[in-house]
Amino acid sequence: MSNKRGHNLFIFLVMIVFLSCRKDKPADKIKPNITIQQGGVFISNEGNFQFGNAKISYYNPSENTVSEDVFETANNRPLGDVCQSVYFYNSKAYVVVNNSGKIEVVNEKTFVSTAIINGFVSPRYFLPISNAKAFVTDLYANKIYVVDLTTNQISGNIPVGGWCEEMTMVYGKVFITSKEGNYLYVADAINDLLIDSIQIGFSSNSIVQDKNAKLWVLCDGNQTNSIYPSLHRINPANHLVEQSFQFSSINDAPWRLKLNGSADTLYFLNKGVYKMSILENTIPSQPFISSSGSNFYGLGINPENSEIYVSDAIDYVQKGQIYRYTSSGSLINTFKAGIIPSDFY
């Protein structure tokens, strides 16, 4: 099962009604095949939980064209149930398909599948440790999977306490966010062992590393227990929390933490899009880009020109809307992607 924001069980009845009676308008200038170009954008679309309609879209900004589902086009079969995340590494794309419990390994130029890594419970995020090894987080497994990239098989695991999300590696250590506690786990990347846990805010969901090699971790908090969302800067060398920011409202719901290409500016979603320098001492009180009633769900920053891509999941049933903005926040254009577009690459 995917993130709580996207796959509430009550939506199933709504989906049945909508899918039985409506037809989507086709996306603008849809192309059946792709030509990968510099500056192109892949979009992961979760699809509806248990409907098996996850897709990978490809947007060519120079031609303003959308290829709706590059995986199915390349492989003559659907991707699976809930596309959670994608990681590009060593000329391959590792596509994590959450409810299908698998990772599709595809050629990054053609998107033809070359292998399938099976055996997960509910995989979330993939992080390469070396050319031969990767870590994979999971929603239900209570462990981090260790994957052999030479055989494309699970080779071991690291026990953890519950649902884990995004990871990053620095100084030979992997820092792992945890949705069900107030700790950031630290694992030895060589020996596949937990070596520390850093106390931060409750329910960490995303992590990035800035230009000074400092880590930034965004936390949901917990409304039921009156725990406010928070943002933390951590020194990965000594594991010290150098700075912590508390959000002003218990109703804030920050997530999707991203960095620009120069790694000196943070972006995240909290209904709208927020922008924050790594040198600031307070969280911005107003969004950089207002949602204006849209259901902002995914966020991506182009590392080359700092253009901002935001997805609107709308009702979690129809095709999502993508908004493309300049680095200054001016709308460039909009286009459709798949159902519940969640991330950009």
Protein backbone atom coordinates (compact mmCIF):
# COMPACT_ATOMS: atom_id res chain seq x y z
CA MET A 1 0.00 0.00 0.00
CA SER A 2 1.41 3.40 -0.90
CA ASN A 3 1.60 6.70 0.96
CA LYS A 4 -1.34 7.64 3.17
CA ARG A 5 -1.92 10.84 1.17
CA GLY A 6 -2.55 8.97 -2.08
CA HIS A 7 -4.29 5.72 -1.35
CA ASN A 8 -7.01 6.02 1.22
CA LEU A 9 -9.21 2.96 1.07
CA PHE A 10 -12.42 4.95 0.88
CA ILE A 11 -11.45 6.17 -2.57
CA PHE A 12 -12.15 2.73 -4.08
CA LEU A 13 -15.90 3.26 -4.28
CA VAL A 14 -15.36 6.66 -5.84
CA MET A 15 -13.01 5.15 -8.42
CA ILE A 16 -15.51 2.53 -9.44
CA VAL A 17 -18.13 5.16 -10.13
CA PHE A 18 -15.77 7.46 -12.03
CA LEU A 19 -14.11 4.74 -14.08
CA SER A 20 -17.42 3.33 -15.19
CA CYS A 21 -18.88 6.56 -16.51
CA ARG A 22 -16.18 9.03 -17.54
CA LYS A 23 -13.66 9.36 -20.33
CA ASP A 24 -10.45 11.36 -20.07
CA LYS A 25 -9.43 13.86 -22.67
CA PRO A 26 -6.21 12.74 -24.36
CA ALA A 27 -2.99 14.43 -23.21
CA ASP A 28 -1.65 17.22 -25.36
CA LYS A 29 0.38 15.96 -28.34
CA ILE A 30 0.73 12.39 -27.07
CA LYS A 31 3.55 10.41 -28.69
CA PRO A 32 3.43 6.60 -28.71
CA ASN A 33 7.23 6.23 -28.65
CA ILE A 34 10.05 8.23 -27.14
CA THR A 35 13.35 9.71 -28.17
CA ILE A 36 15.34 10.44 -25.03
CA GLN A 37 16.80 13.94 -25.21
CA GLN A 38 18.82 16.22 -22.95
CA GLY A 39 16.38 18.04 -20.69
CA GLY A 40 13.60 15.46 -20.98
CA VAL A 41 11.58 14.56 -17.90
CA PHE A 42 10.38 11.15 -16.75
CA ILE A 43 7.26 11.19 -14.56
CA SER A 44 6.31 8.30 -12.26
CA ASN A 45 2.55 7.83 -11.97
CA GLU A 46 1.42 5.69 -9.03
CA GLY A 47 -1.90 4.67 -10.54
CA ASN A 48 -4.78 3.44 -8.39
CA PHE A 49 -4.05 1.01 -5.59
CA GLN A 50 -4.95 -2.55 -6.69
CA PHE A 51 -5.89 -1.44 -10.22
CA GLY A 52 -2.49 -2.24 -11.80
CA ASN A 53 -2.45 0.97 -13.85
CA ALA A 54 0.89 2.49 -12.82
CA LYS A 55 2.75 4.22 -15.65
CA ILE A 56 5.99 6.00 -16.51
CA SER A 57 5.39 9.08 -18.68
CA TYR A 58 8.03 11.02 -20.61
CA TYR A 59 7.80 14.74 -21.30
CA ASN A 60 9.88 16.48 -23.97
CA PRO A 61 9.85 20.20 -23.05
CA SER A 62 11.48 21.34 -26.31
CA GLU A 63 8.65 19.81 -28.34
CA ASN A 64 5.98 20.00 -25.62
CA THR A 65 5.06 16.35 -26.18
CA VAL A 66 4.05 13.63 -23.73
CA SER A 67 4.61 9.89 -24.10
CA GLU A 68 1.98 8.49 -21.76
CA ASP A 69 3.43 5.10 -20.85
CA VAL A 70 6.97 4.35 -22.00
CA PHE A 71 7.20 1.10 -20.04
CA GLU A 72 4.17 -0.58 -21.58
CA THR A 73 5.12 0.71 -25.03
CA ALA A 74 8.58 -0.84 -24.70
CA ASN A 75 7.54 -4.13 -23.06
CA ASN A 76 3.99 -4.86 -24.32
CA ARG A 77 2.77 -5.33 -20.75
CA PRO A 78 1.68 -3.01 -17.93
CA LEU A 79 4.17 -1.90 -15.31
CA GLY A 80 2.12 -3.11 -12.33
CA ASP A 81 0.41 -1.86 -9.20
CA VAL A 82 1.59 1.50 -7.75
CA CYS A 83 4.79 2.96 -9.15
CA GLN A 84 6.44 4.29 -5.99
CA SER A 85 9.80 5.62 -7.20
CA VAL A 86 12.50 5.42 -9.87
CA TYR A 87 16.30 5.57 -9.58
CA PHE A 88 18.62 6.03 -12.57
CA TYR A 89 22.00 4.36 -12.13
CA ASN A 90 24.67 2.87 -14.43
CA SER A 91 22.58 3.27 -17.62
CA LYS A 92 19.63 1.54 -15.99
CA ALA A 93 16.42 2.70 -14.34
CA TYR A 94 15.28 0.83 -11.25
CA VAL A 95 11.49 1.20 -11.10
CA VAL A 96 10.07 0.38 -7.66
CA VAL A 97 6.53 -1.01 -7.99
CA ASN A 98 5.14 -0.91 -4.47
CA ASN A 99 2.03 -3.10 -4.33
CA SER A 100 3.44 -5.52 -6.91
CA GLY A 101 6.36 -6.13 -4.54
CA LYS A 102 8.99 -5.83 -7.26
CA ILE A 103 11.62 -3.67 -8.92
CA GLU A 104 11.73 -3.56 -12.72
CA VAL A 105 15.26 -3.08 -14.06
CA VAL A 106 15.07 -1.32 -17.43
CA ASN A 107 17.42 0.14 -20.02
CA GLU A 108 17.37 3.90 -19.41
CA LYS A 109 17.41 4.68 -23.16
CA THR A 110 14.73 2.25 -24.35
CA PHE A 111 12.89 1.34 -21.11
CA VAL A 112 13.00 -2.32 -22.14
CA SER A 113 12.99 -4.49 -19.01
CA THR A 114 16.17 -6.52 -18.54
CA ALA A 115 15.38 -8.07 -15.14
CA ILE A 116 12.83 -8.12 -12.32
CA ILE A 117 13.89 -8.13 -8.67
CA ASN A 118 11.24 -9.97 -6.63
CA GLY A 119 10.71 -10.94 -3.00
CA PHE A 120 9.80 -7.62 -1.38
CA VAL A 121 6.75 -7.07 0.80
CA SER A 122 6.00 -3.45 -0.15
CA PRO A 123 9.13 -1.69 -1.50
CA ARG A 124 9.44 2.10 -1.40
CA TYR A 125 12.85 3.56 -2.35
CA PHE A 126 16.04 2.26 -3.96
CA LEU A 127 19.58 3.46 -3.22
CA PRO A 128 22.71 2.09 -4.93
CA ILE A 129 25.58 1.51 -2.52
CA SER A 130 28.06 0.31 -5.15
CA ASN A 131 27.98 -1.21 -8.61
CA ALA A 132 27.18 -4.52 -6.95
CA LYS A 133 24.81 -3.59 -4.11
CA ALA A 134 21.75 -1.51 -3.28
CA PHE A 135 19.48 -0.88 -0.29
CA VAL A 136 15.67 -0.86 -0.61
CA THR A 137 13.24 0.47 2.01
CA ASP A 138 9.86 -1.13 2.66
CA LEU A 139 6.49 -0.23 4.13
CA TYR A 140 5.70 -3.43 6.03
CA ALA A 141 8.83 -5.59 6.15
CA ASN A 142 10.50 -4.06 9.24
CA LYS A 143 13.81 -4.26 7.45
CA ILE A 144 15.98 -2.68 4.79
CA TYR A 145 16.59 -5.09 1.93
CA VAL A 146 20.09 -5.60 0.59
CA VAL A 147 20.05 -6.34 -3.14
CA ASP A 148 22.83 -7.92 -5.22
CA LEU A 149 22.89 -5.88 -8.44
CA THR A 150 24.94 -8.48 -10.28
CA THR A 151 22.30 -11.19 -9.83
CA ASN A 152 19.29 -8.89 -9.27
CA GLN A 153 18.31 -10.83 -6.17
CA ILE A 154 17.80 -10.01 -2.51
CA SER A 155 20.96 -11.03 -0.68
CA GLY A 156 20.32 -9.87 2.90
CA ASN A 157 18.55 -7.40 5.15
CA ILE A 158 19.00 -4.90 7.97
CA PRO A 159 16.29 -5.08 10.69
CA VAL A 160 14.60 -1.75 11.46
CA GLY A 161 11.59 -0.66 13.49
CA GLY A 162 8.80 -0.24 10.95
CA TRP A 163 8.09 1.70 7.77
CA CYS A 164 11.12 3.43 6.21
CA GLU A 165 11.20 5.85 3.30
CA GLU A 166 13.92 7.84 1.51
CA MET A 167 17.66 7.31 2.00
CA THR A 168 20.91 9.00 1.11
CA MET A 169 24.56 7.93 1.45
CA VAL A 170 27.49 10.05 2.60
CA TYR A 171 30.86 9.14 4.15
CA GLY A 172 30.15 5.44 3.64
CA LYS A 173 27.00 5.65 5.76
CA VAL A 174 23.35 5.40 4.72
CA PHE A 175 20.89 7.73 6.45
CA ILE A 176 17.36 6.29 6.44
CA THR A 177 14.11 8.12 7.17
CA SER A 178 11.55 6.44 9.40
CA LYS A 179 7.80 7.09 9.20
CA GLU A 180 6.88 5.41 12.48
CA GLY A 181 9.29 6.95 14.94
CA ASN A 182 11.35 10.01 15.75
CA TYR A 183 14.72 8.66 14.64
CA LEU A 184 16.86 8.86 11.53
CA TYR A 185 18.57 5.49 11.17
CA VAL A 186 22.25 5.26 10.21
CA ALA A 187 23.59 2.11 8.55
CA ASP A 188 27.12 1.01 7.70
CA ALA A 189 27.08 0.75 3.90
CA ILE A 190 29.84 -1.87 3.81
CA ASN A 191 28.83 -4.23 6.61
CA ASP A 192 25.04 -3.78 6.25
CA LEU A 193 24.49 -3.02 9.93
CA LEU A 194 22.69 -0.27 11.83
CA ILE A 195 25.27 1.79 13.69
CA ASP A 196 23.23 4.68 15.09
CA SER A 197 19.84 6.37 15.34
CA ILE A 198 19.60 10.16 15.46
CA GLN A 199 16.69 11.65 17.38
CA ILE A 200 14.78 14.16 15.23
CA GLY A 201 11.10 14.97 14.64
CA PHE A 202 8.40 12.35 14.34
CA SER A 203 7.70 10.61 11.00
CA SER A 204 10.52 11.63 8.68
CA ASN A 205 9.54 11.36 5.02
CA SER A 206 12.30 12.82 2.84
CA ILE A 207 16.01 13.63 2.95
CA VAL A 208 18.49 15.60 0.80
CA GLN A 209 22.17 16.58 0.99
CA ASP A 210 23.12 20.21 0.37
CA LYS A 211 26.27 21.71 -1.17
CA ASN A 212 27.98 21.75 2.23
CA ALA A 213 27.38 17.99 2.64
CA LYS A 214 24.81 18.70 5.37
CA LEU A 215 21.64 16.59 5.48
CA TRP A 216 18.14 18.06 5.62
CA VAL A 217 15.29 15.87 6.86
CA LEU A 218 11.59 16.74 6.69
CA CYS A 219 9.15 15.25 9.21
CA ASP A 220 5.34 14.91 9.14
CA GLY A 221 4.72 15.17 12.85
CA ASN A 222 1.54 13.63 14.23
CA GLN A 223 -1.74 15.54 14.58
CA THR A 224 -3.34 12.96 16.88
CA ASN A 225 -0.55 13.31 19.43
CA SER A 226 -0.07 17.07 18.85
CA ILE A 227 3.44 16.63 17.43
CA TYR A 228 4.25 19.46 15.04
CA PRO A 229 5.94 18.85 11.69
CA SER A 230 9.63 19.78 11.63
CA LEU A 231 12.72 20.26 9.48
CA HIS A 232 16.24 19.35 10.61
CA ARG A 233 19.81 19.98 9.45
CA ILE A 234 22.24 17.22 10.40
CA ASN A 235 26.02 16.91 10.19
CA PRO A 236 26.60 13.43 8.70
CA ALA A 237 30.19 13.33 9.94
CA ASN A 238 29.33 13.38 13.65
CA HIS A 239 25.53 12.74 13.51
CA LEU A 240 24.75 15.97 15.37
CA VAL A 241 21.51 17.84 14.76
CA GLU A 242 22.77 21.34 14.04
CA GLN A 243 19.47 23.11 13.52
CA SER A 244 15.78 22.27 13.91
CA PHE A 245 12.74 24.15 12.64
CA GLN A 246 9.20 23.59 13.88
CA PHE A 247 6.27 24.37 11.62
CA SER A 248 3.76 26.90 12.93
CA SER A 249 0.63 24.76 12.65
CA ILE A 250 -0.22 21.23 13.70
CA ASN A 251 -2.24 21.06 10.47
CA ASP A 252 0.82 21.61 8.26
CA ALA A 253 1.70 18.59 6.14
CA PRO A 254 5.16 19.14 4.60
CA TRP A 255 6.71 16.51 2.32
CA ARG A 256 8.53 15.98 -1.01
CA LEU A 257 11.73 17.75 0.11
CA LYS A 258 13.90 18.64 -2.92
CA LEU A 259 17.02 20.68 -3.77
CA ASN A 260 17.90 22.83 -6.77
CA GLY A 261 20.88 21.98 -8.98
CA SER A 262 23.33 24.07 -6.97
CA ALA A 263 22.11 22.38 -3.77
CA ASP A 264 21.67 25.65 -1.90
CA THR A 265 17.87 26.00 -1.96
CA LEU A 266 15.25 23.69 -0.48
CA TYR A 267 11.78 23.13 -1.95
CA PHE A 268 8.91 21.18 -0.46
CA LEU A 269 5.15 20.79 -0.65
CA ASN A 270 2.82 21.97 2.11
CA LYS A 271 -0.35 22.36 0.06
CA GLY A 272 1.57 24.98 -1.96
CA VAL A 273 5.23 24.93 -3.01
CA TYR A 274 7.65 26.40 -0.47
CA LYS A 275 11.17 27.63 -1.21
CA MET A 276 13.86 28.09 1.44
CA SER A 277 17.58 28.91 1.30
CA ILE A 278 19.83 26.60 3.30
CA LEU A 279 21.07 29.77 5.06
CA GLU A 280 17.65 30.87 6.34
CA ASN A 281 16.83 30.69 10.03
CA THR A 282 13.06 30.40 9.73
CA ILE A 283 10.62 28.43 7.63
CA PRO A 284 8.85 30.66 5.07
CA SER A 285 5.39 31.72 6.21
CA GLN A 286 3.94 31.92 2.70
CA PRO A 287 4.21 29.55 -0.28
CA PHE A 288 6.44 30.41 -3.22
CA ILE A 289 3.75 28.94 -5.48
CA SER A 290 0.18 28.77 -4.20
CA SER A 291 -1.84 25.64 -4.88
CA SER A 292 -4.92 27.81 -5.59
CA GLY A 293 -7.22 24.92 -4.75
CA SER A 294 -5.24 22.30 -6.68
CA ASN A 295 -4.24 19.00 -5.05
CA PHE A 296 -0.45 19.34 -5.29
CA TYR A 297 1.04 15.85 -4.92
CA GLY A 298 4.42 15.61 -6.67
CA LEU A 299 7.38 17.99 -6.97
CA GLY A 300 10.52 18.10 -9.08
CA ILE A 301 13.27 20.68 -9.66
CA ASN A 302 15.22 20.61 -12.92
CA PRO A 303 18.91 20.64 -11.85
CA GLU A 304 19.98 22.39 -15.07
CA ASN A 305 17.70 25.45 -15.06
CA SER A 306 15.75 25.22 -11.75
CA GLU A 307 12.41 24.92 -13.56
CA ILE A 308 9.78 23.60 -11.18
CA TYR A 309 7.43 20.72 -12.00
CA VAL A 310 4.38 20.19 -9.78
CA SER A 311 1.71 17.51 -10.17
CA ASP A 312 -1.96 17.85 -9.30
CA ALA A 313 -3.48 14.48 -8.40
CA ILE A 314 -6.95 16.09 -8.72
CA ASP A 315 -9.32 13.35 -7.44
CA TYR A 316 -6.84 10.41 -7.50
CA VAL A 317 -8.95 8.87 -10.28
CA GLN A 318 -8.47 10.81 -13.49
CA LYS A 319 -5.18 11.66 -15.17
CA GLY A 320 -3.11 14.12 -13.18
CA GLN A 321 -2.26 17.63 -14.28
CA ILE A 322 1.36 18.80 -14.48
CA TYR A 323 2.30 22.45 -13.94
CA ARG A 324 5.68 23.63 -15.24
CA TYR A 325 7.07 26.87 -13.77
CA THR A 326 10.15 29.02 -14.32
CA SER A 327 12.67 29.28 -11.49
CA SER A 328 10.97 32.55 -10.50
CA GLY A 329 7.58 30.83 -10.17
CA SER A 330 5.90 31.94 -13.41
CA LEU A 331 3.73 29.30 -15.10
CA ILE A 332 5.18 28.10 -18.42
CA ASN A 333 2.61 25.51 -19.43
CA THR A 334 0.49 22.59 -18.25
CA PHE A 335 -0.05 19.05 -19.55
CA LYS A 336 -1.57 15.72 -18.49
CA ALA A 337 0.32 12.69 -17.21
CA GLY A 338 -0.93 9.39 -15.75
CA ILE A 339 -3.07 8.75 -12.68
CA ILE A 340 -1.54 10.17 -9.47
CA PRO A 341 1.73 11.55 -10.85
CA SER A 342 4.13 11.61 -7.91
CA ASP A 343 7.71 12.35 -8.93
CA PHE A 344 9.94 13.75 -11.67
CA TYR A 345 13.33 12.63 -12.98
